[in-house]
Amino acid sequence: MADIKGTLATATGWLKSVTEFGLSVILALLILDILVAGEIGLIDNINTIVSSFAGNGVTGLIALLIFLLIYKK
């Protein structure tokens, strides 16, 4: 049982590291997209995602809140 907990802790650590790296890359690309004025198109993609949440009314709001709760953990 201790081996499984250790394995899960290691996997969780790796997943957190990969997620943090991905968010750092997205942030860097977002800044680059702002500086270069739309060459990458990341701002348009973020706008599309936010619009899809907003377009679904309460369901979109609940989905967004669930996403944020999962991200905080």
N, C-alpha and C. Protein backbone atom coordinates (compact mmCIF):
# COMPACT_ATOMS: atom_id res chain seq x y z
N MET A 1 0.83 -1.19 0.00
CA MET A 1 0.00 0.00 0.00
C MET A 1 0.87 1.25 0.00
N ALA A 2 2.00 1.19 0.69
CA ALA A 2 2.89 2.35 0.74
C ALA A 2 3.51 2.61 -0.63
N ASP A 3 3.76 1.52 -1.38
CA ASP A 3 4.34 1.68 -2.72
C ASP A 3 3.37 2.39 -3.66
N ILE A 4 2.10 2.06 -3.54
CA ILE A 4 1.09 2.69 -4.40
C ILE A 4 0.99 4.17 -4.07
N LYS A 5 1.00 4.52 -2.79
CA LYS A 5 0.94 5.93 -2.40
C LYS A 5 2.16 6.68 -2.89
N GLY A 6 3.30 6.07 -2.82
CA GLY A 6 4.52 6.70 -3.32
C GLY A 6 4.48 6.91 -4.82
N THR A 7 3.98 5.90 -5.52
CA THR A 7 3.86 6.00 -6.97
C THR A 7 2.89 7.10 -7.37
N LEU A 8 1.74 7.15 -6.68
CA LEU A 8 0.75 8.19 -6.97
C LEU A 8 1.30 9.57 -6.64
N ALA A 9 2.04 9.69 -5.56
CA ALA A 9 2.65 10.98 -5.21
C ALA A 9 3.66 11.41 -6.26
N THR A 10 4.44 10.46 -6.77
CA THR A 10 5.40 10.77 -7.82
C THR A 10 4.69 11.19 -9.10
N ALA A 11 3.65 10.45 -9.48
CA ALA A 11 2.89 10.79 -10.69
C ALA A 11 2.23 12.16 -10.55
N THR A 12 1.68 12.43 -9.39
CA THR A 12 1.05 13.72 -9.14
C THR A 12 2.07 14.85 -9.23
N GLY A 13 3.25 14.62 -8.70
CA GLY A 13 4.31 15.62 -8.79
C GLY A 13 4.70 15.91 -10.23
N TRP A 14 4.82 14.86 -11.04
CA TRP A 14 5.14 15.03 -12.45
C TRP A 14 4.04 15.79 -13.18
N LEU A 15 2.80 15.43 -12.90
CA LEU A 15 1.67 16.11 -13.56
C LEU A 15 1.61 17.58 -13.19
N LYS A 16 1.87 17.90 -11.92
CA LYS A 16 1.90 19.30 -11.51
C LYS A 16 3.02 20.05 -12.21
N SER A 17 4.17 19.43 -12.34
CA SER A 17 5.29 20.07 -13.03
C SER A 17 4.98 20.32 -14.49
N VAL A 18 4.39 19.35 -15.15
CA VAL A 18 4.03 19.49 -16.56
C VAL A 18 2.98 20.59 -16.73
N THR A 19 1.99 20.61 -15.84
CA THR A 19 0.95 21.63 -15.90
C THR A 19 1.52 23.02 -15.69
N GLU A 20 2.39 23.18 -14.70
CA GLU A 20 3.00 24.48 -14.45
C GLU A 20 3.85 24.92 -15.64
N PHE A 21 4.57 23.98 -16.25
CA PHE A 21 5.36 24.30 -17.43
C PHE A 21 4.45 24.74 -18.58
N GLY A 22 3.37 24.02 -18.78
CA GLY A 22 2.42 24.38 -19.85
C GLY A 22 1.83 25.76 -19.64
N LEU A 23 1.47 26.07 -18.40
CA LEU A 23 0.93 27.40 -18.11
C LEU A 23 1.97 28.48 -18.33
N SER A 24 3.22 28.19 -18.02
CA SER A 24 4.29 29.16 -18.27
C SER A 24 4.47 29.41 -19.76
N VAL A 25 4.40 28.35 -20.55
CA VAL A 25 4.52 28.50 -22.00
C VAL A 25 3.35 29.30 -22.56
N ILE A 26 2.14 29.01 -22.08
CA ILE A 26 0.96 29.75 -22.54
C ILE A 26 1.08 31.22 -22.17
N LEU A 27 1.55 31.52 -20.97
CA LEU A 27 1.72 32.91 -20.55
C LEU A 27 2.76 33.62 -21.41
N ALA A 28 3.86 32.94 -21.70
CA ALA A 28 4.90 33.53 -22.55
C ALA A 28 4.36 33.79 -23.96
N LEU A 29 3.60 32.84 -24.50
CA LEU A 29 3.02 33.02 -25.83
C LEU A 29 1.97 34.13 -25.84
N LEU A 30 1.23 34.25 -24.74
CA LEU A 30 0.24 35.32 -24.64
C LEU A 30 0.92 36.69 -24.65
N ILE A 31 2.00 36.82 -23.91
CA ILE A 31 2.74 38.09 -23.90
C ILE A 31 3.32 38.36 -25.29
N LEU A 32 3.85 37.33 -25.92
CA LEU A 32 4.39 37.48 -27.27
C LEU A 32 3.30 37.87 -28.26
N ASP A 33 2.11 37.29 -28.11
CA ASP A 33 0.99 37.61 -28.99
C ASP A 33 0.55 39.05 -28.81
N ILE A 34 0.62 39.56 -27.59
CA ILE A 34 0.27 40.96 -27.35
C ILE A 34 1.32 41.88 -27.97
N LEU A 35 2.58 41.53 -27.83
CA LEU A 35 3.66 42.37 -28.35
C LEU A 35 3.72 42.37 -29.88
N VAL A 36 3.44 41.23 -30.50
CA VAL A 36 3.55 41.10 -31.94
C VAL A 36 2.20 41.36 -32.62
N ALA A 37 1.19 41.62 -31.88
CA ALA A 37 -0.14 42.01 -32.37
C ALA A 37 -0.82 40.94 -33.22
N GLY A 38 -1.05 39.80 -32.64
CA GLY A 38 -1.90 38.80 -33.26
C GLY A 38 -1.25 37.82 -34.22
N GLU A 39 0.04 37.72 -34.23
CA GLU A 39 0.70 36.76 -35.13
C GLU A 39 0.42 35.32 -34.73
N ILE A 40 0.33 35.06 -33.45
CA ILE A 40 0.13 33.69 -32.96
C ILE A 40 -1.35 33.32 -32.94
N GLY A 41 -2.21 34.26 -32.63
CA GLY A 41 -3.65 34.01 -32.58
C GLY A 41 -4.13 33.46 -31.26
N LEU A 42 -3.31 33.53 -30.24
CA LEU A 42 -3.67 32.97 -28.94
C LEU A 42 -4.81 33.76 -28.30
N ILE A 43 -4.80 35.07 -28.46
CA ILE A 43 -5.85 35.89 -27.86
C ILE A 43 -7.19 35.55 -28.48
N ASP A 44 -7.22 35.32 -29.78
CA ASP A 44 -8.47 34.91 -30.44
C ASP A 44 -8.96 33.57 -29.91
N ASN A 45 -8.05 32.64 -29.68
CA ASN A 45 -8.42 31.33 -29.13
C ASN A 45 -8.96 31.46 -27.72
N ILE A 46 -8.33 32.28 -26.89
CA ILE A 46 -8.82 32.49 -25.52
C ILE A 46 -10.19 33.14 -25.55
N ASN A 47 -10.36 34.10 -26.46
CA ASN A 47 -11.66 34.76 -26.61
C ASN A 47 -12.73 33.75 -26.99
N THR A 48 -12.42 32.81 -27.86
CA THR A 48 -13.36 31.77 -28.27
C THR A 48 -13.75 30.87 -27.09
N ILE A 49 -12.76 30.51 -26.28
CA ILE A 49 -13.04 29.65 -25.12
C ILE A 49 -13.93 30.37 -24.12
N VAL A 50 -13.60 31.62 -23.83
CA VAL A 50 -14.40 32.40 -22.88
C VAL A 50 -15.82 32.61 -23.42
N SER A 51 -15.94 32.87 -24.71
CA SER A 51 -17.25 33.05 -25.32
C SER A 51 -18.08 31.77 -25.24
N SER A 52 -17.43 30.63 -25.38
CA SER A 52 -18.18 29.37 -25.29
C SER A 52 -18.71 29.15 -23.89
N PHE A 53 -17.94 29.54 -22.88
CA PHE A 53 -18.45 29.45 -21.51
C PHE A 53 -19.59 30.44 -21.30
N ALA A 54 -19.43 31.65 -21.78
CA ALA A 54 -20.44 32.69 -21.58
C ALA A 54 -21.69 32.41 -22.40
N GLY A 55 -21.54 31.78 -23.55
CA GLY A 55 -22.69 31.51 -24.41
C GLY A 55 -23.62 30.46 -23.87
N ASN A 56 -23.18 29.67 -22.93
CA ASN A 56 -24.00 28.60 -22.39
C ASN A 56 -24.72 28.99 -21.11
N GLY A 57 -24.66 30.25 -20.73
CA GLY A 57 -25.40 30.74 -19.56
C GLY A 57 -24.93 30.10 -18.27
N VAL A 58 -25.89 29.63 -17.49
CA VAL A 58 -25.60 29.06 -16.17
C VAL A 58 -24.76 27.78 -16.30
N THR A 59 -25.02 27.00 -17.32
CA THR A 59 -24.25 25.77 -17.52
C THR A 59 -22.78 26.09 -17.76
N GLY A 60 -22.53 27.10 -18.55
CA GLY A 60 -21.15 27.53 -18.80
C GLY A 60 -20.48 28.05 -17.55
N LEU A 61 -21.25 28.79 -16.74
CA LEU A 61 -20.70 29.31 -15.48
C LEU A 61 -20.36 28.17 -14.54
N ILE A 62 -21.21 27.18 -14.45
CA ILE A 62 -20.94 26.03 -13.58
C ILE A 62 -19.72 25.26 -14.09
N ALA A 63 -19.63 25.07 -15.40
CA ALA A 63 -18.47 24.37 -15.97
C ALA A 63 -17.18 25.14 -15.69
N LEU A 64 -17.23 26.47 -15.81
CA LEU A 64 -16.07 27.30 -15.52
C LEU A 64 -15.67 27.20 -14.06
N LEU A 65 -16.64 27.22 -13.15
CA LEU A 65 -16.35 27.09 -11.72
C LEU A 65 -15.76 25.73 -11.39
N ILE A 66 -16.26 24.68 -12.01
CA ILE A 66 -15.70 23.33 -11.78
C ILE A 66 -14.27 23.27 -12.29
N PHE A 67 -14.03 23.86 -13.47
CA PHE A 67 -12.67 23.91 -14.01
C PHE A 67 -11.74 24.64 -13.05
N LEU A 68 -12.17 25.75 -12.51
CA LEU A 68 -11.33 26.52 -11.57
C LEU A 68 -11.08 25.74 -10.28
N LEU A 69 -12.10 25.04 -9.79
CA LEU A 69 -11.91 24.23 -8.58
C LEU A 69 -10.91 23.11 -8.81
N ILE A 70 -10.99 22.46 -9.96
CA ILE A 70 -10.04 21.40 -10.27
C ILE A 70 -8.65 21.97 -10.41
N TYR A 71 -8.52 23.14 -11.03
CA TYR A 71 -7.20 23.76 -11.22
C TYR A 71 -6.58 24.14 -9.89
N LYS A 72 -7.38 24.62 -8.93
CA LYS A 72 -6.85 25.04 -7.63
C LYS A 72 -6.27 23.87 -6.84
N LYS A 73 -6.77 22.68 -7.03
CA LYS A 73 -6.28 21.51 -6.31
C LYS A 73 -4.95 21.13 -6.88
